[in-house]
């Protein structure tokens, strides 16, 4: 209902369709919401076109998927909002995934490591919640450690100092 039903131009992130009507917009979001999205704007700009319209553009990141397998989708966006019969409506929305730089496997590797990073953080956080300093310290490397703790001025480089800190 946020989209204009009479004058719409919608190019969604995860659809090849060019949507121009309310029913197709509804169908798109019925499917998109199955991905359990949660979005955050990471950079944006607003350009005013009088008192009746503005363009909002920028970058956002959506987390999608079930709690145990959330994945980021970085995208670019532009929304044109206009007052239609006194109510703000989206008359234009373009969203596209940020393209990968050709030849950079590193970006793919980082993306593939995201679920691992989430699981490891959860394991570390759970150990903190258990207040088990041995368990927390065991998650840190016993060799080549470089640890700058949050509430200590020390530069920790060994397992024993890690245990003492926690």
N, C-alpha and C. Protein backbone atom coordinates (compact mmCIF):
# COMPACT_ATOMS: atom_id res chain seq x y z
N UNK A 1 0.82 -1.21 0.00
CA UNK A 1 0.00 0.00 0.00
C UNK A 1 0.86 1.27 0.00
N UNK A 2 2.17 1.12 0.22
CA UNK A 2 3.06 2.29 0.16
C UNK A 2 3.35 2.71 -1.28
N UNK A 3 3.05 1.83 -2.23
CA UNK A 3 3.33 2.10 -3.64
C UNK A 3 2.09 2.66 -4.34
N UNK A 4 2.33 3.58 -5.27
CA UNK A 4 1.24 4.14 -6.07
C UNK A 4 0.58 3.03 -6.88
N UNK A 5 -0.74 3.07 -6.93
CA UNK A 5 -1.45 2.08 -7.73
C UNK A 5 -1.76 2.61 -9.13
N UNK A 6 -1.47 3.89 -9.38
CA UNK A 6 -1.82 4.48 -10.67
C UNK A 6 -0.62 4.89 -11.51
N UNK A 7 0.51 5.17 -10.89
CA UNK A 7 1.67 5.67 -11.63
C UNK A 7 2.93 5.09 -11.01
N UNK A 8 3.32 3.88 -11.42
CA UNK A 8 4.39 3.18 -10.76
C UNK A 8 5.45 2.68 -11.74
N UNK A 9 6.70 2.78 -11.31
CA UNK A 9 7.85 2.21 -12.01
C UNK A 9 8.69 1.53 -10.95
N UNK A 10 8.69 0.18 -10.92
CA UNK A 10 9.33 -0.59 -9.85
C UNK A 10 10.23 -1.66 -10.46
N UNK A 11 11.54 -1.55 -10.18
CA UNK A 11 12.53 -2.53 -10.62
C UNK A 11 13.14 -3.15 -9.36
N UNK A 12 12.57 -4.27 -8.88
CA UNK A 12 12.99 -4.86 -7.61
C UNK A 12 14.35 -5.55 -7.66
N UNK A 13 14.91 -5.74 -6.48
CA UNK A 13 16.24 -6.34 -6.33
C UNK A 13 16.28 -7.78 -6.82
N UNK A 14 15.34 -8.59 -6.40
CA UNK A 14 15.42 -10.03 -6.66
C UNK A 14 14.31 -10.50 -7.61
N UNK A 15 14.10 -9.72 -8.66
CA UNK A 15 13.13 -10.11 -9.68
C UNK A 15 13.57 -9.51 -11.01
N UNK A 16 13.39 -10.24 -12.10
CA UNK A 16 13.72 -9.69 -13.41
C UNK A 16 12.61 -8.81 -13.97
N UNK A 17 11.49 -8.71 -13.26
CA UNK A 17 10.32 -8.01 -13.79
C UNK A 17 10.43 -6.49 -13.65
N UNK A 18 9.77 -5.82 -14.55
CA UNK A 18 9.54 -4.37 -14.49
C UNK A 18 8.10 -4.22 -14.05
N UNK A 19 7.88 -3.89 -12.80
CA UNK A 19 6.54 -3.88 -12.20
C UNK A 19 5.92 -2.49 -12.36
N UNK A 20 4.67 -2.48 -12.81
CA UNK A 20 3.98 -1.21 -13.07
C UNK A 20 2.60 -1.13 -12.42
N UNK A 21 2.23 -2.14 -11.61
CA UNK A 21 0.88 -2.13 -11.04
C UNK A 21 0.88 -2.67 -9.61
N UNK A 22 -0.18 -2.39 -8.89
CA UNK A 22 -0.31 -2.78 -7.49
C UNK A 22 -0.34 -4.27 -7.26
N UNK A 23 -1.03 -5.02 -8.09
CA UNK A 23 -1.13 -6.47 -7.91
C UNK A 23 0.24 -7.14 -8.04
N UNK A 24 1.01 -6.74 -9.04
CA UNK A 24 2.36 -7.30 -9.23
C UNK A 24 3.27 -6.91 -8.07
N UNK A 25 3.10 -5.71 -7.54
CA UNK A 25 3.88 -5.27 -6.38
C UNK A 25 3.56 -6.15 -5.19
N UNK A 26 2.28 -6.40 -4.97
CA UNK A 26 1.85 -7.26 -3.87
C UNK A 26 2.44 -8.67 -4.02
N UNK A 27 2.38 -9.23 -5.21
CA UNK A 27 2.91 -10.57 -5.46
C UNK A 27 4.42 -10.62 -5.22
N UNK A 28 5.13 -9.57 -5.64
CA UNK A 28 6.57 -9.51 -5.42
C UNK A 28 6.87 -9.58 -3.92
N UNK A 29 6.20 -8.74 -3.13
CA UNK A 29 6.49 -8.70 -1.70
C UNK A 29 6.01 -9.96 -0.97
N UNK A 30 4.96 -10.60 -1.47
CA UNK A 30 4.55 -11.88 -0.87
C UNK A 30 5.69 -12.89 -0.97
N UNK A 31 6.39 -12.91 -2.10
CA UNK A 31 7.52 -13.83 -2.29
C UNK A 31 8.77 -13.33 -1.57
N UNK A 32 9.05 -12.03 -1.66
CA UNK A 32 10.25 -11.48 -1.04
C UNK A 32 10.24 -11.67 0.48
N UNK A 33 9.09 -11.51 1.10
CA UNK A 33 9.00 -11.63 2.56
C UNK A 33 9.26 -13.06 3.05
N UNK A 34 9.13 -14.04 2.16
CA UNK A 34 9.47 -15.42 2.52
C UNK A 34 10.96 -15.56 2.81
N UNK A 35 11.77 -14.61 2.33
CA UNK A 35 13.22 -14.62 2.57
C UNK A 35 13.58 -14.02 3.94
N UNK A 36 12.58 -13.57 4.70
CA UNK A 36 12.76 -12.99 6.03
C UNK A 36 13.73 -11.81 6.01
N UNK A 37 13.48 -10.81 5.18
CA UNK A 37 14.43 -9.70 5.05
C UNK A 37 14.39 -8.73 6.23
N UNK A 38 15.55 -8.15 6.49
CA UNK A 38 15.68 -7.07 7.46
C UNK A 38 16.73 -6.12 6.89
N UNK A 39 16.35 -4.90 6.62
CA UNK A 39 17.25 -3.98 5.92
C UNK A 39 17.79 -2.85 6.78
N UNK A 40 18.97 -2.40 6.39
CA UNK A 40 19.62 -1.25 7.03
C UNK A 40 20.22 -0.36 5.95
N UNK A 41 19.89 0.92 5.99
CA UNK A 41 20.49 1.87 5.06
C UNK A 41 21.91 2.15 5.52
N UNK A 42 22.89 2.02 4.60
CA UNK A 42 24.29 2.23 4.94
C UNK A 42 24.82 3.57 4.42
N UNK A 43 24.19 4.13 3.42
CA UNK A 43 24.54 5.46 2.90
C UNK A 43 23.35 5.95 2.09
N UNK A 44 23.01 7.23 2.24
CA UNK A 44 21.86 7.72 1.48
C UNK A 44 21.91 9.21 1.26
N UNK A 45 21.02 9.67 0.37
CA UNK A 45 20.89 11.07 0.01
C UNK A 45 19.43 11.34 -0.32
N UNK A 46 18.96 12.53 0.02
CA UNK A 46 17.59 12.92 -0.30
C UNK A 46 17.64 14.21 -1.11
N UNK A 47 16.94 14.21 -2.24
CA UNK A 47 16.84 15.39 -3.09
C UNK A 47 15.37 15.78 -3.17
N UNK A 48 15.07 17.02 -2.78
CA UNK A 48 13.70 17.51 -2.77
C UNK A 48 13.30 18.03 -4.14
N UNK A 49 12.05 17.76 -4.51
CA UNK A 49 11.47 18.31 -5.73
C UNK A 49 10.19 19.04 -5.34
N UNK A 50 10.36 20.10 -4.55
CA UNK A 50 9.23 20.86 -4.05
C UNK A 50 8.65 20.20 -2.81
N UNK A 51 7.42 20.58 -2.48
CA UNK A 51 6.75 20.04 -1.30
C UNK A 51 6.00 18.74 -1.56
N UNK A 52 5.96 18.31 -2.82
CA UNK A 52 5.13 17.17 -3.19
C UNK A 52 5.91 15.94 -3.63
N UNK A 53 7.25 16.04 -3.72
CA UNK A 53 8.02 14.89 -4.19
C UNK A 53 9.48 14.99 -3.74
N UNK A 54 10.09 13.81 -3.55
CA UNK A 54 11.53 13.76 -3.27
C UNK A 54 12.10 12.44 -3.75
N UNK A 55 13.40 12.46 -4.03
CA UNK A 55 14.14 11.27 -4.44
C UNK A 55 15.04 10.86 -3.29
N UNK A 56 14.93 9.62 -2.86
CA UNK A 56 15.77 9.06 -1.80
C UNK A 56 16.60 7.96 -2.44
N UNK A 57 17.92 8.11 -2.44
CA UNK A 57 18.78 7.12 -3.08
C UNK A 57 19.96 6.79 -2.18
N UNK A 58 20.57 5.64 -2.44
CA UNK A 58 21.73 5.26 -1.65
C UNK A 58 22.01 3.78 -1.70
N UNK A 59 22.55 3.29 -0.58
CA UNK A 59 22.96 1.89 -0.45
C UNK A 59 22.26 1.30 0.78
N UNK A 60 21.86 0.03 0.68
CA UNK A 60 21.35 -0.66 1.85
C UNK A 60 21.79 -2.11 1.83
N UNK A 61 21.74 -2.71 3.00
CA UNK A 61 22.09 -4.12 3.14
C UNK A 61 20.90 -4.83 3.77
N UNK A 62 20.48 -5.90 3.12
CA UNK A 62 19.42 -6.74 3.66
C UNK A 62 20.03 -8.04 4.17
N UNK A 63 19.60 -8.43 5.34
CA UNK A 63 19.92 -9.77 5.84
C UNK A 63 18.71 -10.62 5.47
N UNK A 64 18.97 -11.78 4.88
CA UNK A 64 17.88 -12.66 4.47
C UNK A 64 18.15 -14.08 4.96
N UNK A 65 17.10 -14.85 5.09
CA UNK A 65 17.22 -16.24 5.47
C UNK A 65 16.85 -16.46 6.93
N UNK A 66 16.75 -17.74 7.31
CA UNK A 66 16.40 -18.07 8.70
C UNK A 66 17.54 -17.68 9.65
N UNK A 67 17.22 -17.58 10.94
CA UNK A 67 18.19 -17.13 11.94
C UNK A 67 19.51 -17.89 11.87
N UNK A 68 19.46 -19.19 11.62
CA UNK A 68 20.67 -19.99 11.63
C UNK A 68 21.49 -19.86 10.35
N UNK A 69 20.96 -19.15 9.34
CA UNK A 69 21.67 -19.02 8.06
C UNK A 69 21.38 -17.67 7.40
N UNK A 70 21.53 -16.57 8.16
CA UNK A 70 21.29 -15.23 7.62
C UNK A 70 22.43 -14.87 6.67
N UNK A 71 22.08 -14.23 5.57
CA UNK A 71 23.09 -13.82 4.58
C UNK A 71 22.82 -12.38 4.16
N UNK A 72 23.91 -11.62 3.95
CA UNK A 72 23.74 -10.23 3.54
C UNK A 72 23.53 -10.10 2.03
N UNK A 73 22.70 -9.15 1.64
CA UNK A 73 22.54 -8.76 0.25
C UNK A 73 22.76 -7.25 0.22
N UNK A 74 23.90 -6.83 -0.34
CA UNK A 74 24.18 -5.41 -0.45
C UNK A 74 23.57 -4.92 -1.75
N UNK A 75 22.87 -3.77 -1.67
CA UNK A 75 22.17 -3.29 -2.86
C UNK A 75 22.19 -1.77 -2.92
N UNK A 76 21.93 -1.27 -4.12
CA UNK A 76 21.76 0.15 -4.37
C UNK A 76 20.26 0.40 -4.51
N UNK A 77 19.82 1.61 -4.16
CA UNK A 77 18.39 1.89 -4.26
C UNK A 77 18.12 3.33 -4.66
N UNK A 78 16.94 3.51 -5.23
CA UNK A 78 16.38 4.85 -5.42
C UNK A 78 14.86 4.73 -5.29
N UNK A 79 14.31 5.63 -4.49
CA UNK A 79 12.86 5.72 -4.31
C UNK A 79 12.44 7.13 -4.67
N UNK A 80 11.43 7.26 -5.48
CA UNK A 80 10.80 8.56 -5.71
C UNK A 80 9.47 8.51 -4.98
N UNK A 81 9.35 9.37 -3.98
CA UNK A 81 8.10 9.48 -3.22
C UNK A 81 7.37 10.73 -3.71
N UNK A 82 6.05 10.61 -3.85
CA UNK A 82 5.24 11.76 -4.27
C UNK A 82 3.91 11.73 -3.53
N UNK A 83 3.41 12.90 -3.22
CA UNK A 83 2.09 12.96 -2.59
C UNK A 83 1.03 12.69 -3.66
N UNK A 84 0.23 11.67 -3.37
CA UNK A 84 -0.89 11.30 -4.26
C UNK A 84 -2.14 11.45 -3.42
N UNK A 85 -2.96 12.41 -3.78
CA UNK A 85 -4.18 12.71 -3.03
C UNK A 85 -3.87 12.94 -1.55
N UNK A 86 -2.75 13.65 -1.29
CA UNK A 86 -2.38 14.01 0.08
C UNK A 86 -1.64 12.94 0.87
N UNK A 87 -1.37 11.79 0.26
CA UNK A 87 -0.69 10.68 0.95
C UNK A 87 0.63 10.38 0.23
N UNK A 88 1.72 10.24 1.00
CA UNK A 88 3.01 9.89 0.40
C UNK A 88 2.96 8.48 -0.17
N UNK A 89 3.31 8.35 -1.45
CA UNK A 89 3.35 7.07 -2.14
C UNK A 89 4.66 6.93 -2.91
N UNK A 90 5.14 5.71 -3.04
CA UNK A 90 6.31 5.44 -3.86
C UNK A 90 5.83 5.34 -5.30
N UNK A 91 6.39 6.19 -6.17
CA UNK A 91 6.02 6.15 -7.60
C UNK A 91 7.15 5.54 -8.44
N UNK A 92 8.34 5.50 -7.86
CA UNK A 92 9.47 4.86 -8.54
C UNK A 92 10.34 4.19 -7.47
N UNK A 93 10.74 2.95 -7.72
CA UNK A 93 11.65 2.23 -6.83
C UNK A 93 12.54 1.36 -7.70
N UNK A 94 13.84 1.61 -7.61
CA UNK A 94 14.81 0.77 -8.30
C UNK A 94 15.76 0.25 -7.24
N UNK A 95 16.01 -1.05 -7.25
CA UNK A 95 16.94 -1.67 -6.31
C UNK A 95 17.71 -2.74 -7.05
N UNK A 96 19.03 -2.72 -6.92
CA UNK A 96 19.84 -3.74 -7.58
C UNK A 96 21.00 -4.13 -6.69
N UNK A 97 21.31 -5.41 -6.69
CA UNK A 97 22.43 -5.90 -5.91
C UNK A 97 23.72 -5.24 -6.39
N UNK A 98 24.60 -4.93 -5.45
CA UNK A 98 25.88 -4.33 -5.80
C UNK A 98 26.68 -5.38 -6.57
N UNK A 99 27.12 -5.06 -7.78
CA UNK A 99 27.85 -6.06 -8.56
C UNK A 99 29.24 -6.33 -7.97
N UNK A 100 29.67 -7.56 -8.12
CA UNK A 100 31.02 -7.93 -7.71
C UNK A 100 32.01 -7.38 -8.73
N UNK A 101 33.18 -6.99 -8.26
CA UNK A 101 34.22 -6.52 -9.16
C UNK A 101 34.78 -7.74 -9.89
N UNK A 102 34.80 -7.70 -11.22
CA UNK A 102 35.28 -8.87 -11.98
C UNK A 102 36.68 -9.30 -11.54
N UNK A 103 36.85 -10.62 -11.38
CA UNK A 103 38.15 -11.16 -11.04
C UNK A 103 38.50 -11.13 -9.57
N UNK A 104 37.54 -10.77 -8.70
CA UNK A 104 37.85 -10.72 -7.27
C UNK A 104 37.17 -11.89 -6.57
N UNK A 105 37.87 -12.97 -6.47
CA UNK A 105 37.36 -14.13 -5.75
C UNK A 105 37.29 -13.85 -4.27
N UNK A 106 38.11 -12.87 -3.81
CA UNK A 106 38.14 -12.55 -2.39
C UNK A 106 36.75 -12.15 -1.90
N UNK A 107 36.02 -11.39 -2.69
CA UNK A 107 34.67 -10.98 -2.30
C UNK A 107 33.77 -12.20 -2.12
N UNK A 108 33.88 -13.18 -3.01
CA UNK A 108 33.08 -14.40 -2.91
C UNK A 108 33.49 -15.18 -1.67
N UNK A 109 34.81 -15.29 -1.42
CA UNK A 109 35.28 -16.01 -0.24
C UNK A 109 34.75 -15.38 1.03
N UNK A 110 34.77 -14.04 1.11
CA UNK A 110 34.25 -13.34 2.29
C UNK A 110 32.77 -13.63 2.46
N UNK A 111 32.03 -13.60 1.36
CA UNK A 111 30.60 -13.85 1.43
C UNK A 111 30.33 -15.28 1.90
N UNK A 112 31.13 -16.23 1.42
CA UNK A 112 30.95 -17.62 1.82
C UNK A 112 31.33 -17.84 3.28
N UNK A 113 32.18 -16.98 3.84
CA UNK A 113 32.61 -17.12 5.23
C UNK A 113 31.62 -16.47 6.20
N UNK A 114 30.66 -15.75 5.69
CA UNK A 114 29.73 -15.04 6.57
C UNK A 114 29.00 -15.97 7.54
N UNK A 115 28.43 -17.09 7.09
CA UNK A 115 27.77 -18.00 8.04
C UNK A 115 28.74 -18.56 9.08
N UNK A 116 29.98 -18.81 8.67
CA UNK A 116 31.00 -19.31 9.60
C UNK A 116 31.28 -18.24 10.66
N UNK A 117 31.43 -17.00 10.22
CA UNK A 117 31.70 -15.90 11.15
C UNK A 117 30.55 -15.73 12.13
N UNK A 118 29.32 -15.84 11.65
CA UNK A 118 28.16 -15.73 12.54
C UNK A 118 28.16 -16.85 13.58
N UNK A 119 28.43 -18.06 13.15
CA UNK A 119 28.43 -19.21 14.06
C UNK A 119 29.55 -19.08 15.09
N UNK A 120 30.73 -18.64 14.65
CA UNK A 120 31.84 -18.47 15.58
C UNK A 120 31.57 -17.37 16.60
N UNK A 121 30.96 -16.27 16.16
CA UNK A 121 30.63 -15.21 17.11
C UNK A 121 29.62 -15.71 18.14
N UNK A 122 28.64 -16.48 17.68
CA UNK A 122 27.64 -17.02 18.60
C UNK A 122 28.32 -17.93 19.63
N UNK A 123 29.25 -18.77 19.18
CA UNK A 123 29.96 -19.67 20.09
C UNK A 123 30.74 -18.85 21.14
N UNK A 124 31.41 -17.78 20.71
CA UNK A 124 32.17 -16.92 21.61
C UNK A 124 31.23 -16.21 22.59
N UNK A 125 30.15 -15.67 22.07
CA UNK A 125 29.19 -14.95 22.91
C UNK A 125 28.52 -15.88 23.92
N UNK A 126 28.18 -17.10 23.49
CA UNK A 126 27.59 -18.08 24.41
C UNK A 126 28.57 -18.42 25.54
N UNK A 127 29.86 -18.54 25.21
CA UNK A 127 30.86 -18.81 26.24
C UNK A 127 30.93 -17.65 27.24
N UNK A 128 30.83 -16.43 26.75
CA UNK A 128 30.80 -15.26 27.65
C UNK A 128 29.59 -15.32 28.57
N UNK A 129 28.44 -15.64 28.00
CA UNK A 129 27.21 -15.71 28.80
C UNK A 129 27.27 -16.79 29.87
N UNK A 130 28.01 -17.84 29.60
CA UNK A 130 28.19 -18.91 30.59
C UNK A 130 29.17 -18.52 31.69
N UNK A 131 29.87 -17.40 31.49
CA UNK A 131 30.87 -16.89 32.45
C UNK A 131 31.96 -17.94 32.72
N UNK A 132 32.35 -18.65 31.67
CA UNK A 132 33.37 -19.70 31.77
C UNK A 132 34.63 -19.18 31.08
N UNK A 133 35.55 -18.58 31.89
CA UNK A 133 36.74 -17.96 31.31
C UNK A 133 37.63 -18.96 30.58
N UNK A 134 37.67 -20.21 31.05
CA UNK A 134 38.47 -21.24 30.39
C UNK A 134 37.93 -21.49 28.97
N UNK A 135 36.61 -21.58 28.87
CA UNK A 135 35.99 -21.85 27.58
C UNK A 135 36.20 -20.67 26.62
N UNK A 136 36.04 -19.46 27.14
CA UNK A 136 36.26 -18.27 26.30
C UNK A 136 37.70 -18.24 25.83
N UNK A 137 38.63 -18.39 26.74
CA UNK A 137 40.06 -18.32 26.40
C UNK A 137 40.46 -19.41 25.42
N UNK A 138 39.80 -20.57 25.49
CA UNK A 138 40.14 -21.67 24.58
C UNK A 138 39.80 -21.35 23.13
N UNK A 139 38.96 -20.37 22.90
CA UNK A 139 38.59 -19.98 21.54
C UNK A 139 39.67 -19.13 20.87
N UNK A 140 40.64 -18.68 21.65
CA UNK A 140 41.73 -17.84 21.13
C UNK A 140 42.92 -18.71 20.75
N UNK A 141 43.64 -18.29 19.74
CA UNK A 141 44.82 -19.03 19.28
C UNK A 141 45.88 -19.05 20.39
N UNK A 142 46.56 -20.18 20.49
CA UNK A 142 47.65 -20.27 21.47
C UNK A 142 48.98 -19.86 20.83
N UNK A 143 48.98 -19.69 19.51
CA UNK A 143 50.16 -19.20 18.79
C UNK A 143 49.73 -18.02 17.92
N UNK A 144 50.63 -17.12 17.69
CA UNK A 144 50.37 -15.96 16.83
C UNK A 144 49.14 -15.16 17.26
N UNK A 145 48.98 -14.98 18.57
CA UNK A 145 47.84 -14.23 19.09
C UNK A 145 48.16 -12.74 19.14
N UNK A 146 47.20 -11.95 18.72
CA UNK A 146 47.28 -10.49 18.80
C UNK A 146 45.92 -10.01 19.28
N UNK A 147 45.79 -9.73 20.59
CA UNK A 147 44.50 -9.46 21.21
C UNK A 147 44.56 -8.13 21.94
N UNK A 148 43.74 -7.19 21.53
CA UNK A 148 43.62 -5.88 22.18
C UNK A 148 42.26 -5.85 22.87
N UNK A 149 42.21 -6.20 24.15
CA UNK A 149 40.92 -6.31 24.84
C UNK A 149 40.21 -4.97 25.01
N UNK A 150 38.91 -5.07 25.17
CA UNK A 150 38.06 -3.88 25.27
C UNK A 150 38.32 -3.06 26.52
N UNK A 151 38.44 -3.72 27.66
CA UNK A 151 38.54 -2.99 28.93
C UNK A 151 39.88 -3.22 29.63
N UNK A 152 40.94 -3.25 28.83
CA UNK A 152 42.29 -3.39 29.38
C UNK A 152 43.26 -2.68 28.46
N UNK A 153 44.28 -2.04 29.04
CA UNK A 153 45.28 -1.38 28.20
C UNK A 153 46.32 -2.35 27.65
N UNK A 154 46.26 -3.62 28.05
CA UNK A 154 47.26 -4.60 27.66
C UNK A 154 47.13 -5.04 26.21
N UNK A 155 48.27 -5.42 25.65
CA UNK A 155 48.34 -6.05 24.34
C UNK A 155 48.64 -7.51 24.64
N UNK A 156 47.64 -8.37 24.51
CA UNK A 156 47.75 -9.76 24.92
C UNK A 156 48.21 -10.61 23.75
N UNK A 157 49.25 -11.45 24.05
CA UNK A 157 49.82 -12.28 23.00
C UNK A 157 49.96 -13.75 23.40
N UNK A 158 49.38 -14.14 24.57
CA UNK A 158 49.52 -15.53 25.01
C UNK A 158 48.24 -16.01 25.69
N UNK A 159 48.12 -17.33 25.77
CA UNK A 159 46.92 -17.96 26.32
C UNK A 159 46.69 -17.67 27.79
N UNK A 160 47.74 -17.68 28.61
CA UNK A 160 47.58 -17.44 30.04
C UNK A 160 47.05 -16.03 30.30
N UNK A 161 47.57 -15.04 29.60
CA UNK A 161 47.09 -13.67 29.78
C UNK A 161 45.63 -13.54 29.30
N UNK A 162 45.27 -14.32 28.28
CA UNK A 162 43.89 -14.31 27.80
C UNK A 162 42.97 -14.84 28.90
N UNK A 163 43.35 -15.96 29.54
CA UNK A 163 42.56 -16.52 30.64
C UNK A 163 42.42 -15.50 31.77
N UNK A 164 43.53 -14.86 32.12
CA UNK A 164 43.50 -13.89 33.21
C UNK A 164 42.60 -12.71 32.88
N UNK A 165 42.60 -12.29 31.63
CA UNK A 165 41.74 -11.18 31.24
C UNK A 165 40.27 -11.55 31.41
N UNK A 166 39.88 -12.74 30.94
CA UNK A 166 38.47 -13.12 31.02
C UNK A 166 38.09 -13.56 32.42
